[in-house]
Every structure is written in structure tokens, then in C-alpha cells.
Amino acid sequence: MMWFELVTLALGPNANEEVHEMVLSGHDESVVIVTRWFTLLAADGYALQDTPEVLAARFVALVDGLHLSLLFDKSEAALDRAENTLRWFTEQSLAASGENAPDAKPA
């Protein structure tokens, strides 16, 4: 899995500084993009359970953990569980009112 290989090259015993900078840059950009996403959701009327920055950091950490989990179980069922986990996190992060309320369904 490319993600794990990049992290290993960036942080492993024979870490490569250029790869480290690339992985760090990608991580930081992911946080910026997800922060923007939560900010846009708030602008659309969703009440956030925390700041966009905090929710984005949690979301990206969750994605990293799911990447690791999927290294051990690459089945379609595991991928579905990962997708449901991200949906659940997003629903928990939002408390919308009115027409923007998400359809909360258990995973």
C-alpha cells in the first residue's frame, strides 16, 4: 500500500528527508482541505460540534488509522466499514437544523 510505504520512507529507520517533507506537506494540505470542507458545511447552516480545525485534525487522524487498519484487512467488507466509520464521524461532527439536517442512519 503506497500510503504505508511513504510513511515508512518518511519516518522509518532510513528516513528520507525529501519524502518526509512530501508526506508532511500532504498531511498539512489534507488538514487544510478538510478544514475548508467543515467551514463550508458551517456556512451552509450546519452547527459544528467543535471548530473546523479540530474536526479536520480528528478526521485526518481517523483516515490515517483506517489506512493502517486496511493494511491488515483488505476485504470489501473492511472497506465498507471504513466508509461507514467516516460517515459516522461526519454525522457526529454536525448538528444541523432545518432542511440541512443529515439523515442519521446507524452504520
PDB file of N, CA and C in Angstrom:
ATOM      1  N   MET A   1       0.857  -1.176   0.000  1.00  0.00           N
ATOM      2  CA  MET A   1       0.000   0.000   0.000  1.00  0.00           C
ATOM      3  C   MET A   1       0.899   1.233   0.000  1.00  0.00           C
ATOM      4  N   MET A   2       0.674   2.095  -0.944  1.00  0.00           N
ATOM      5  CA  MET A   2       1.542   3.240  -1.148  1.00  0.00           C
ATOM      6  C   MET A   2       1.618   4.148   0.082  1.00  0.00           C
ATOM      7  N   TRP A   3       0.495   4.373   0.766  1.00  0.00           N
ATOM      8  CA  TRP A   3       0.478   5.248   1.937  1.00  0.00           C
ATOM      9  C   TRP A   3       1.473   4.763   2.981  1.00  0.00           C
ATOM     10  N   PHE A   4       1.431   3.477   3.307  1.00  0.00           N
ATOM     11  CA  PHE A   4       2.311   2.923   4.330  1.00  0.00           C
ATOM     12  C   PHE A   4       3.773   3.001   3.891  1.00  0.00           C
ATOM     13  N   GLU A   5       4.030   2.725   2.629  1.00  0.00           N
ATOM     14  CA  GLU A   5       5.398   2.799   2.118  1.00  0.00           C
ATOM     15  C   GLU A   5       5.948   4.220   2.228  1.00  0.00           C
ATOM     16  N   LEU A   6       5.127   5.200   1.907  1.00  0.00           N
ATOM     17  CA  LEU A   6       5.569   6.593   2.023  1.00  0.00           C
ATOM     18  C   LEU A   6       5.842   6.971   3.472  1.00  0.00           C
ATOM     19  N   VAL A   7       4.962   6.563   4.367  1.00  0.00           N
ATOM     20  CA  VAL A   7       5.160   6.868   5.787  1.00  0.00           C
ATOM     21  C   VAL A   7       6.430   6.193   6.293  1.00  0.00           C
ATOM     22  N   THR A   8       6.656   4.954   5.885  1.00  0.00           N
ATOM     23  CA  THR A   8       7.866   4.240   6.293  1.00  0.00           C
ATOM     24  C   THR A   8       9.111   4.947   5.769  1.00  0.00           C
ATOM     25  N   LEU A   9       9.086   5.372   4.510  1.00  0.00           N
ATOM     26  CA  LEU A   9      10.226   6.103   3.952  1.00  0.00           C
ATOM     27  C   LEU A   9      10.426   7.454   4.638  1.00  0.00           C
ATOM     28  N   ALA A  10       9.343   8.055   5.092  1.00  0.00           N
ATOM     29  CA  ALA A  10       9.425   9.372   5.729  1.00  0.00           C
ATOM     30  C   ALA A  10       9.859   9.297   7.182  1.00  0.00           C
ATOM     31  N   LEU A  11       9.461   8.231   7.878  1.00  0.00           N
ATOM     32  CA  LEU A  11       9.663   8.183   9.324  1.00  0.00           C
ATOM     33  C   LEU A  11      10.455   6.977   9.809  1.00  0.00           C
ATOM     34  N   GLY A  12      10.728   6.040   8.928  1.00  0.00           N
ATOM     35  CA  GLY A  12      11.383   4.793   9.312  1.00  0.00           C
ATOM     36  C   GLY A  12      12.849   4.971   9.663  1.00  0.00           C
ATOM     37  N   PRO A  13      13.526   3.845   9.924  1.00  0.00           N
ATOM     38  CA  PRO A  13      14.926   3.890  10.356  1.00  0.00           C
ATOM     39  C   PRO A  13      15.858   4.508   9.310  1.00  0.00           C
ATOM     40  N   ASN A  14      15.512   4.411   8.050  1.00  0.00           N
ATOM     41  CA  ASN A  14      16.312   5.014   6.978  1.00  0.00           C
ATOM     42  C   ASN A  14      15.539   6.167   6.339  1.00  0.00           C
ATOM     43  N   ALA A  15      14.987   7.021   7.182  1.00  0.00           N
ATOM     44  CA  ALA A  15      14.107   8.095   6.722  1.00  0.00           C
ATOM     45  C   ALA A  15      14.792   8.968   5.672  1.00  0.00           C
ATOM     46  N   ASN A  16      14.002   9.344   4.694  1.00  0.00           N
ATOM     47  CA  ASN A  16      14.445  10.210   3.612  1.00  0.00           C
ATOM     48  C   ASN A  16      13.822  11.585   3.850  1.00  0.00           C
ATOM     49  N   GLU A  17      14.655  12.606   3.966  1.00  0.00           N
ATOM     50  CA  GLU A  17      14.175  13.956   4.291  1.00  0.00           C
ATOM     51  C   GLU A  17      13.217  14.498   3.233  1.00  0.00           C
ATOM     52  N   GLU A  18      13.489  14.234   1.961  1.00  0.00           N
ATOM     53  CA  GLU A  18      12.605  14.717   0.899  1.00  0.00           C
ATOM     54  C   GLU A  18      11.232  14.058   0.981  1.00  0.00           C
ATOM     55  N   VAL A  19      11.210  12.755   1.238  1.00  0.00           N
ATOM     56  CA  VAL A  19       9.935  12.045   1.373  1.00  0.00           C
ATOM     57  C   VAL A  19       9.216  12.532   2.626  1.00  0.00           C
ATOM     58  N   HIS A  20       9.981  12.773   3.698  1.00  0.00           N
ATOM     59  CA  HIS A  20       9.383  13.282   4.936  1.00  0.00           C
ATOM     60  C   HIS A  20       8.672  14.604   4.675  1.00  0.00           C
ATOM     61  N   GLU A  21       9.339  15.501   3.968  1.00  0.00           N
ATOM     62  CA  GLU A  21       8.740  16.801   3.649  1.00  0.00           C
ATOM     63  C   GLU A  21       7.500  16.636   2.771  1.00  0.00           C
ATOM     64  N   MET A  22       7.548  15.697   1.816  1.00  0.00           N
ATOM     65  CA  MET A  22       6.408  15.461   0.939  1.00  0.00           C
ATOM     66  C   MET A  22       5.210  14.920   1.730  1.00  0.00           C
ATOM     67  N   VAL A  23       5.460  13.954   2.614  1.00  0.00           N
ATOM     68  CA  VAL A  23       4.379  13.377   3.422  1.00  0.00           C
ATOM     69  C   VAL A  23       3.809  14.434   4.359  1.00  0.00           C
ATOM     70  N   LEU A  24       4.671  15.210   4.996  1.00  0.00           N
ATOM     71  CA  LEU A  24       4.214  16.272   5.893  1.00  0.00           C
ATOM     72  C   LEU A  24       3.396  17.310   5.133  1.00  0.00           C
ATOM     73  N   SER A  25       3.850  17.678   3.953  1.00  0.00           N
ATOM     74  CA  SER A  25       3.117  18.638   3.131  1.00  0.00           C
ATOM     75  C   SER A  25       1.743  18.092   2.743  1.00  0.00           C
ATOM     76  N   GLY A  26       1.696  16.824   2.350  1.00  0.00           N
ATOM     77  CA  GLY A  26       0.421  16.195   2.004  1.00  0.00           C
ATOM     78  C   GLY A  26      -0.527  16.137   3.181  1.00  0.00           C
ATOM     79  N   HIS A  27       0.022  15.815   4.351  1.00  0.00           N
ATOM     80  CA  HIS A  27      -0.801  15.774   5.566  1.00  0.00           C
ATOM     81  C   HIS A  27      -1.360  17.156   5.877  1.00  0.00           C
ATOM     82  N   ASP A  28      -0.485  18.159   5.846  1.00  0.00           N
ATOM     83  CA  ASP A  28      -0.920  19.528   6.136  1.00  0.00           C
ATOM     84  C   ASP A  28      -1.979  19.996   5.141  1.00  0.00           C
ATOM     85  N   GLU A  29      -1.798  19.667   3.870  1.00  0.00           N
ATOM     86  CA  GLU A  29      -2.770  20.057   2.844  1.00  0.00           C
ATOM     87  C   GLU A  29      -4.103  19.348   3.071  1.00  0.00           C
ATOM     88  N   SER A  30      -4.055  18.092   3.510  1.00  0.00           N
ATOM     89  CA  SER A  30      -5.292  17.362   3.826  1.00  0.00           C
ATOM     90  C   SER A  30      -6.057  18.064   4.937  1.00  0.00           C
ATOM     91  N   VAL A  31      -5.342  18.496   5.967  1.00  0.00           N
ATOM     92  CA  VAL A  31      -5.994  19.206   7.073  1.00  0.00           C
ATOM     93  C   VAL A  31      -6.612  20.510   6.569  1.00  0.00           C
ATOM     94  N   VAL A  32      -5.911  21.231   5.704  1.00  0.00           N
ATOM     95  CA  VAL A  32      -6.436  22.485   5.147  1.00  0.00           C
ATOM     96  C   VAL A  32      -7.712  22.219   4.351  1.00  0.00           C
ATOM     97  N   ILE A  33      -7.697  21.192   3.511  1.00  0.00           N
ATOM     98  CA  ILE A  33      -8.861  20.881   2.673  1.00  0.00           C
ATOM     99  C   ILE A  33     -10.053  20.467   3.525  1.00  0.00           C
ATOM    100  N   VAL A  34      -9.823  19.613   4.522  1.00  0.00           N
ATOM    101  CA  VAL A  34     -10.930  19.155   5.368  1.00  0.00           C
ATOM    102  C   VAL A  34     -11.429  20.300   6.249  1.00  0.00           C
ATOM    103  N   THR A  35     -10.530  21.173   6.694  1.00  0.00           N
ATOM    104  CA  THR A  35     -10.953  22.358   7.450  1.00  0.00           C
ATOM    105  C   THR A  35     -11.873  23.217   6.589  1.00  0.00           C
ATOM    106  N   ARG A  36     -11.497  23.402   5.338  1.00  0.00           N
ATOM    107  CA  ARG A  36     -12.325  24.182   4.404  1.00  0.00           C
ATOM    108  C   ARG A  36     -13.695  23.525   4.240  1.00  0.00           C
ATOM    109  N   TRP A  37     -13.706  22.202   4.143  1.00  0.00           N
ATOM    110  CA  TRP A  37     -14.961  21.455   3.989  1.00  0.00           C
ATOM    111  C   TRP A  37     -15.877  21.687   5.191  1.00  0.00           C
ATOM    112  N   PHE A  38     -15.338  21.544   6.414  1.00  0.00           N
ATOM    113  CA  PHE A  38     -16.164  21.782   7.600  1.00  0.00           C
ATOM    114  C   PHE A  38     -16.606  23.245   7.683  1.00  0.00           C
ATOM    115  N   THR A  39     -15.756  24.165   7.269  1.00  0.00           N
ATOM    116  CA  THR A  39     -16.120  25.582   7.259  1.00  0.00           C
ATOM    117  C   THR A  39     -17.279  25.829   6.295  1.00  0.00           C
ATOM    118  N   LEU A  40     -17.231  25.196   5.126  1.00  0.00           N
ATOM    119  CA  LEU A  40     -18.330  25.332   4.161  1.00  0.00           C
ATOM    120  C   LEU A  40     -19.621  24.721   4.695  1.00  0.00           C
ATOM    121  N   LEU A  41     -19.522  23.590   5.374  1.00  0.00           N
ATOM    122  CA  LEU A  41     -20.718  22.987   5.975  1.00  0.00           C
ATOM    123  C   LEU A  41     -21.334  23.932   7.003  1.00  0.00           C
ATOM    124  N   ALA A  42     -20.485  24.575   7.808  1.00  0.00           N
ATOM    125  CA  ALA A  42     -20.989  25.535   8.797  1.00  0.00           C
ATOM    126  C   ALA A  42     -21.675  26.706   8.096  1.00  0.00           C
ATOM    127  N   ALA A  43     -21.094  27.164   6.997  1.00  0.00           N
ATOM    128  CA  ALA A  43     -21.692  28.272   6.243  1.00  0.00           C
ATOM    129  C   ALA A  43     -23.031  27.875   5.627  1.00  0.00           C
ATOM    130  N   ASP A  44     -23.224  26.575   5.389  1.00  0.00           N
ATOM    131  CA  ASP A  44     -24.490  26.073   4.841  1.00  0.00           C
ATOM    132  C   ASP A  44     -25.533  25.804   5.920  1.00  0.00           C
ATOM    133  N   GLY A  45     -25.224  26.149   7.162  1.00  0.00           N
ATOM    134  CA  GLY A  45     -26.212  26.036   8.224  1.00  0.00           C
ATOM    135  C   GLY A  45     -26.005  24.909   9.205  1.00  0.00           C
ATOM    136  N   TYR A  46     -24.956  24.145   9.043  1.00  0.00           N
ATOM    137  CA  TYR A  46     -24.680  23.068   9.995  1.00  0.00           C
ATOM    138  C   TYR A  46     -23.989  23.636  11.226  1.00  0.00           C
ATOM    139  N   ALA A  47     -24.419  23.189  12.386  1.00  0.00           N
ATOM    140  CA  ALA A  47     -23.761  23.556  13.633  1.00  0.00           C
ATOM    141  C   ALA A  47     -22.680  22.513  13.892  1.00  0.00           C
ATOM    142  N   LEU A  48     -21.444  22.950  13.992  1.00  0.00           N
ATOM    143  CA  LEU A  48     -20.333  22.032  14.216  1.00  0.00           C
ATOM    144  C   LEU A  48     -20.183  21.734  15.701  1.00  0.00           C
ATOM    145  N   GLN A  49     -19.779  20.520  16.000  1.00  0.00           N
ATOM    146  CA  GLN A  49     -19.574  20.111  17.385  1.00  0.00           C
ATOM    147  C   GLN A  49     -18.267  20.657  17.957  1.00  0.00           C
ATOM    148  N   ASP A  50     -17.393  21.176  17.114  1.00  0.00           N
ATOM    149  CA  ASP A  50     -16.124  21.775  17.530  1.00  0.00           C
ATOM    150  C   ASP A  50     -15.691  22.711  16.412  1.00  0.00           C
ATOM    151  N   THR A  51     -14.514  23.277  16.514  1.00  0.00           N
ATOM    152  CA  THR A  51     -14.042  24.171  15.454  1.00  0.00           C
ATOM    153  C   THR A  51     -13.709  23.358  14.201  1.00  0.00           C
ATOM    154  N   PRO A  52     -13.770  23.993  13.034  1.00  0.00           N
ATOM    155  CA  PRO A  52     -13.393  23.275  11.811  1.00  0.00           C
ATOM    156  C   PRO A  52     -11.977  22.698  11.883  1.00  0.00           C
ATOM    157  N   GLU A  53     -11.062  23.422  12.518  1.00  0.00           N
ATOM    158  CA  GLU A  53      -9.678  22.969  12.624  1.00  0.00           C
ATOM    159  C   GLU A  53      -9.561  21.697  13.463  1.00  0.00           C
ATOM    160  N   VAL A  54     -10.265  21.666  14.593  1.00  0.00           N
ATOM    161  CA  VAL A  54     -10.230  20.480  15.461  1.00  0.00           C
ATOM    162  C   VAL A  54     -10.877  19.292  14.761  1.00  0.00           C
ATOM    163  N   LEU A  55     -12.030  19.509  14.141  1.00  0.00           N
ATOM    164  CA  LEU A  55     -12.710  18.420  13.436  1.00  0.00           C
ATOM    165  C   LEU A  55     -11.863  17.898  12.282  1.00  0.00           C
ATOM    166  N   ALA A  56     -11.192  18.796  11.570  1.00  0.00           N
ATOM    167  CA  ALA A  56     -10.339  18.372  10.452  1.00  0.00           C
ATOM    168  C   ALA A  56      -9.164  17.537  10.946  1.00  0.00           C
ATOM    169  N   ALA A  57      -8.532  17.959  12.027  1.00  0.00           N
ATOM    170  CA  ALA A  57      -7.409  17.189  12.574  1.00  0.00           C
ATOM    171  C   ALA A  57      -7.871  15.798  12.997  1.00  0.00           C
ATOM    172  N   ARG A  58      -9.044  15.712  13.606  1.00  0.00           N
ATOM    173  CA  ARG A  58      -9.587  14.410  14.012  1.00  0.00           C
ATOM    174  C   ARG A  58      -9.914  13.553  12.796  1.00  0.00           C
ATOM    175  N   PHE A  59     -10.508  14.162  11.777  1.00  0.00           N
ATOM    176  CA  PHE A  59     -10.881  13.432  10.566  1.00  0.00           C
ATOM    177  C   PHE A  59      -9.642  12.842   9.895  1.00  0.00           C
ATOM    178  N   VAL A  60      -8.597  13.650   9.756  1.00  0.00           N
ATOM    179  CA  VAL A  60      -7.369  13.181   9.109  1.00  0.00           C
ATOM    180  C   VAL A  60      -6.706  12.088   9.947  1.00  0.00           C
ATOM    181  N   ALA A  61      -6.720  12.230  11.266  1.00  0.00           N
ATOM    182  CA  ALA A  61      -6.174  11.175  12.127  1.00  0.00           C
ATOM    183  C   ALA A  61      -6.974   9.883  11.968  1.00  0.00           C
ATOM    184  N   LEU A  62      -8.284  10.007  11.859  1.00  0.00           N
ATOM    185  CA  LEU A  62      -9.136   8.833  11.649  1.00  0.00           C
ATOM    186  C   LEU A  62      -8.812   8.165  10.311  1.00  0.00           C
ATOM    187  N   VAL A  63      -8.631   8.955   9.272  1.00  0.00           N
ATOM    188  CA  VAL A  63      -8.269   8.402   7.961  1.00  0.00           C
ATOM    189  C   VAL A  63      -6.930   7.662   8.047  1.00  0.00           C
ATOM    190  N   ASP A  64      -5.959   8.249   8.740  1.00  0.00           N
ATOM    191  CA  ASP A  64      -4.665   7.575   8.904  1.00  0.00           C
ATOM    192  C   ASP A  64      -4.832   6.234   9.611  1.00  0.00           C
ATOM    193  N   GLY A  65      -5.637   6.205  10.662  1.00  0.00           N
ATOM    194  CA  GLY A  65      -5.888   4.955  11.378  1.00  0.00           C
ATOM    195  C   GLY A  65      -6.594   3.928  10.513  1.00  0.00           C
ATOM    196  N   LEU A  66      -7.533   4.380   9.709  1.00  0.00           N
ATOM    197  CA  LEU A  66      -8.234   3.468   8.804  1.00  0.00           C
ATOM    198  C   LEU A  66      -7.289   2.916   7.735  1.00  0.00           C
ATOM    199  N   HIS A  67      -6.362   3.751   7.262  1.00  0.00           N
ATOM    200  CA  HIS A  67      -5.338   3.256   6.324  1.00  0.00           C
ATOM    201  C   HIS A  67      -4.580   2.090   6.951  1.00  0.00           C
ATOM    202  N   LEU A  68      -4.158   2.270   8.184  1.00  0.00           N
ATOM    203  CA  LEU A  68      -3.412   1.221   8.883  1.00  0.00           C
ATOM    204  C   LEU A  68      -4.263  -0.028   9.053  1.00  0.00           C
ATOM    205  N   SER A  69      -5.492   0.141   9.448  1.00  0.00           N
ATOM    206  CA  SER A  69      -6.412  -0.987   9.623  1.00  0.00           C
ATOM    207  C   SER A  69      -6.606  -1.754   8.322  1.00  0.00           C
ATOM    208  N   LEU A  70      -6.695  -1.031   7.223  1.00  0.00           N
ATOM    209  CA  LEU A  70      -6.911  -1.673   5.924  1.00  0.00           C
ATOM    210  C   LEU A  70      -5.676  -2.413   5.413  1.00  0.00           C
ATOM    211  N   LEU A  71      -4.518  -2.162   6.026  1.00  0.00           N
ATOM    212  CA  LEU A  71      -3.340  -2.962   5.688  1.00  0.00           C
ATOM    213  C   LEU A  71      -3.529  -4.410   6.124  1.00  0.00           C
ATOM    214  N   PHE A  72      -4.266  -4.600   7.214  1.00  0.00           N
ATOM    215  CA  PHE A  72      -4.464  -5.935   7.775  1.00  0.00           C
ATOM    216  C   PHE A  72      -5.678  -6.643   7.199  1.00  0.00           C
ATOM    217  N   ASP A  73      -6.645  -5.894   6.748  1.00  0.00           N
ATOM    218  CA  ASP A  73      -7.868  -6.484   6.194  1.00  0.00           C
ATOM    219  C   ASP A  73      -8.250  -5.690   4.954  1.00  0.00           C
ATOM    220  N   LYS A  74      -7.988  -6.261   3.802  1.00  0.00           N
ATOM    221  CA  LYS A  74      -8.221  -5.568   2.534  1.00  0.00           C
ATOM    222  C   LYS A  74      -9.529  -5.983   1.876  1.00  0.00           C
ATOM    223  N   SER A  75     -10.396  -6.619   2.641  1.00  0.00           N
ATOM    224  CA  SER A  75     -11.654  -7.109   2.077  1.00  0.00           C
ATOM    225  C   SER A  75     -12.609  -5.956   1.757  1.00  0.00           C
ATOM    226  N   GLU A  76     -13.573  -6.257   0.909  1.00  0.00           N
ATOM    227  CA  GLU A  76     -14.610  -5.274   0.575  1.00  0.00           C
ATOM    228  C   GLU A  76     -15.389  -4.887   1.831  1.00  0.00           C
ATOM    229  N   ALA A  77     -15.612  -5.857   2.722  1.00  0.00           N
ATOM    230  CA  ALA A  77     -16.336  -5.576   3.968  1.00  0.00           C
ATOM    231  C   ALA A  77     -15.561  -4.581   4.828  1.00  0.00           C
ATOM    232  N   ALA A  78     -14.243  -4.718   4.885  1.00  0.00           N
ATOM    233  CA  ALA A  78     -13.422  -3.786   5.665  1.00  0.00           C
ATOM    234  C   ALA A  78     -13.477  -2.390   5.060  1.00  0.00           C
ATOM    235  N   LEU A  79     -13.454  -2.321   3.748  1.00  0.00           N
ATOM    236  CA  LEU A  79     -13.562  -1.029   3.072  1.00  0.00           C
ATOM    237  C   LEU A  79     -14.918  -0.389   3.349  1.00  0.00           C
ATOM    238  N   ASP A  80     -15.973  -1.189   3.335  1.00  0.00           N
ATOM    239  CA  ASP A  80     -17.310  -0.685   3.665  1.00  0.00           C
ATOM    240  C   ASP A  80     -17.360  -0.173   5.104  1.00  0.00           C
ATOM    241  N   ARG A  81     -16.740  -0.913   6.031  1.00  0.00           N
ATOM    242  CA  ARG A  81     -16.710  -0.466   7.435  1.00  0.00           C
ATOM    243  C   ARG A  81     -15.954   0.850   7.566  1.00  0.00           C
ATOM    244  N   ALA A  82     -14.864   0.985   6.833  1.00  0.00           N
ATOM    245  CA  ALA A  82     -14.096   2.231   6.879  1.00  0.00           C
ATOM    246  C   ALA A  82     -14.942   3.398   6.367  1.00  0.00           C
ATOM    247  N   GLU A  83     -15.638   3.175   5.266  1.00  0.00           N
ATOM    248  CA  GLU A  83     -16.514   4.219   4.720  1.00  0.00           C
ATOM    249  C   GLU A  83     -17.613   4.573   5.717  1.00  0.00           C
ATOM    250  N   ASN A  84     -18.212   3.572   6.337  1.00  0.00           N
ATOM    251  CA  ASN A  84     -19.257   3.821   7.338  1.00  0.00           C
ATOM    252  C   ASN A  84     -18.702   4.568   8.543  1.00  0.00           C
ATOM    253  N   THR A  85     -17.466   4.273   8.912  1.00  0.00           N
ATOM    254  CA  THR A  85     -16.832   4.971  10.033  1.00  0.00           C
ATOM    255  C   THR A  85     -16.667   6.453   9.718  1.00  0.00           C
ATOM    256  N   LEU A  86     -16.250   6.768   8.500  1.00  0.00           N
ATOM    257  CA  LEU A  86     -16.106   8.175   8.111  1.00  0.00           C
ATOM    258  C   LEU A  86     -17.454   8.880   8.048  1.00  0.00           C
ATOM    259  N   ARG A  87     -18.469   8.170   7.551  1.00  0.00           N
ATOM    260  CA  ARG A  87     -19.823   8.751   7.542  1.00  0.00           C
ATOM    261  C   ARG A  87     -20.293   9.018   8.969  1.00  0.00           C
ATOM    262  N   TRP A  88     -20.077   8.039   9.860  1.00  0.00           N
ATOM    263  CA  TRP A  88     -20.482   8.185  11.260  1.00  0.00           C
ATOM    264  C   TRP A  88     -19.778   9.390  11.884  1.00  0.00           C
ATOM    265  N   PHE A  89     -18.458   9.503  11.682  1.00  0.00           N
ATOM    266  CA  PHE A  89     -17.720  10.621  12.256  1.00  0.00           C
ATOM    267  C   PHE A  89     -18.280  11.948  11.759  1.00  0.00           C
ATOM    268  N   THR A  90     -18.555  12.025  10.470  1.00  0.00           N
ATOM    269  CA  THR A  90     -19.093  13.257   9.901  1.00  0.00           C
ATOM    270  C   THR A  90     -20.440  13.594  10.519  1.00  0.00           C
ATOM    271  N   GLU A  91     -21.306  12.603  10.647  1.00  0.00           N
ATOM    272  CA  GLU A  91     -22.617  12.842  11.268  1.00  0.00           C
ATOM    273  C   GLU A  91     -22.465  13.294  12.717  1.00  0.00           C
ATOM    274  N   GLN A  92     -21.520  12.702  13.442  1.00  0.00           N
ATOM    275  CA  GLN A  92     -21.299  13.088  14.837  1.00  0.00           C
ATOM    276  C   GLN A  92     -20.716  14.494  14.948  1.00  0.00           C
ATOM    277  N   SER A  93     -20.024  14.919  13.917  1.00  0.00           N
ATOM    278  CA  SER A  93     -19.387  16.236  13.925  1.00  0.00           C
ATOM    279  C   SER A  93     -20.367  17.365  13.651  1.00  0.00           C
ATOM    280  N   LEU A  94     -21.533  17.010  13.107  1.00  0.00           N
ATOM    281  CA  LEU A  94     -22.520  18.007  12.710  1.00  0.00           C
ATOM    282  C   LEU A  94     -23.786  17.884  13.544  1.00  0.00           C
ATOM    283  N   ALA A  95     -24.376  19.010  13.820  1.00  0.00           N
ATOM    284  CA  ALA A  95     -25.694  19.049  14.450  1.00  0.00           C
ATOM    285  C   ALA A  95     -26.486  20.082  13.671  1.00  0.00           C
ATOM    286  N   ALA A  96     -27.121  19.635  12.598  1.00  0.00           N
ATOM    287  CA  ALA A  96     -27.797  20.562  11.694  1.00  0.00           C
ATOM    288  C   ALA A  96     -29.231  20.795  12.121  1.00  0.00           C
ATOM    289  N   SER A  97     -29.757  21.896  11.671  1.00  0.00           N
ATOM    290  CA  SER A  97     -31.168  22.185  11.904  1.00  0.00           C
ATOM    291  C   SER A  97     -31.835  22.423  10.559  1.00  0.00           C
ATOM    292  N   GLY A  98     -33.120  22.219  10.532  1.00  0.00           N
ATOM    293  CA  GLY A  98     -33.897  22.526   9.336  1.00  0.00           C
ATOM    294  C   GLY A  98     -33.616  21.604   8.173  1.00  0.00           C
ATOM    295  N   GLU A  99     -33.659  22.164   6.974  1.00  0.00           N
ATOM    296  CA  GLU A  99     -33.567  21.361   5.758  1.00  0.00           C
ATOM    297  C   GLU A  99     -32.193  20.747   5.537  1.00  0.00           C
ATOM    298  N   ASN A 100     -31.161  21.223   6.232  1.00  0.00           N
ATOM    299  CA  ASN A 100     -29.819  20.674   6.055  1.00  0.00           C
ATOM    300  C   ASN A 100     -29.505  19.519   6.992  1.00  0.00           C
ATOM    301  N   ALA A 101     -30.467  19.097   7.795  1.00  0.00           N
ATOM    302  CA  ALA A 101     -30.202  18.012   8.745  1.00  0.00           C
ATOM    303  C   ALA A 101     -29.875  16.726   7.995  1.00  0.00           C
ATOM    304  N   PRO A 102     -28.757  16.075   8.363  1.00  0.00           N
ATOM    305  CA  PRO A 102     -28.406  14.825   7.684  1.00  0.00           C
ATOM    306  C   PRO A 102     -29.336  13.698   8.107  1.00  0.00           C
ATOM    307  N   ASP A 103     -29.511  12.733   7.229  1.00  0.00           N
ATOM    308  CA  ASP A 103     -30.288  11.538   7.564  1.00  0.00           C
ATOM    309  C   ASP A 103     -29.395  10.627   8.386  1.00  0.00           C
ATOM    310  N   ALA A 104     -29.537  10.661   9.689  1.00  0.00           N
ATOM    311  CA  ALA A 104     -28.689   9.851  10.564  1.00  0.00           C
ATOM    312  C   ALA A 104     -29.144   8.406  10.521  1.00  0.00           C
ATOM    313  N   LYS A 105     -28.266   7.545  10.057  1.00  0.00           N
ATOM    314  CA  LYS A 105     -28.546   6.115   9.988  1.00  0.00           C
ATOM    315  C   LYS A 105     -27.406   5.382  10.667  1.00  0.00           C
ATOM    316  N   PRO A 106     -27.721   4.405  11.518  1.00  0.00           N
ATOM    317  CA  PRO A 106     -26.635   3.665  12.162  1.00  0.00           C
ATOM    318  C   PRO A 106     -25.819   2.886  11.137  1.00  0.00           C
ATOM    319  N   ALA A 107     -24.526   2.794  11.383  1.00  0.00           N
ATOM    320  CA  ALA A 107     -23.624   2.070  10.468  1.00  0.00           C
ATOM    321  C   ALA A 107     -23.785   0.576  10.603  1.00  0.00           C
TER     322      ALA A 107
END
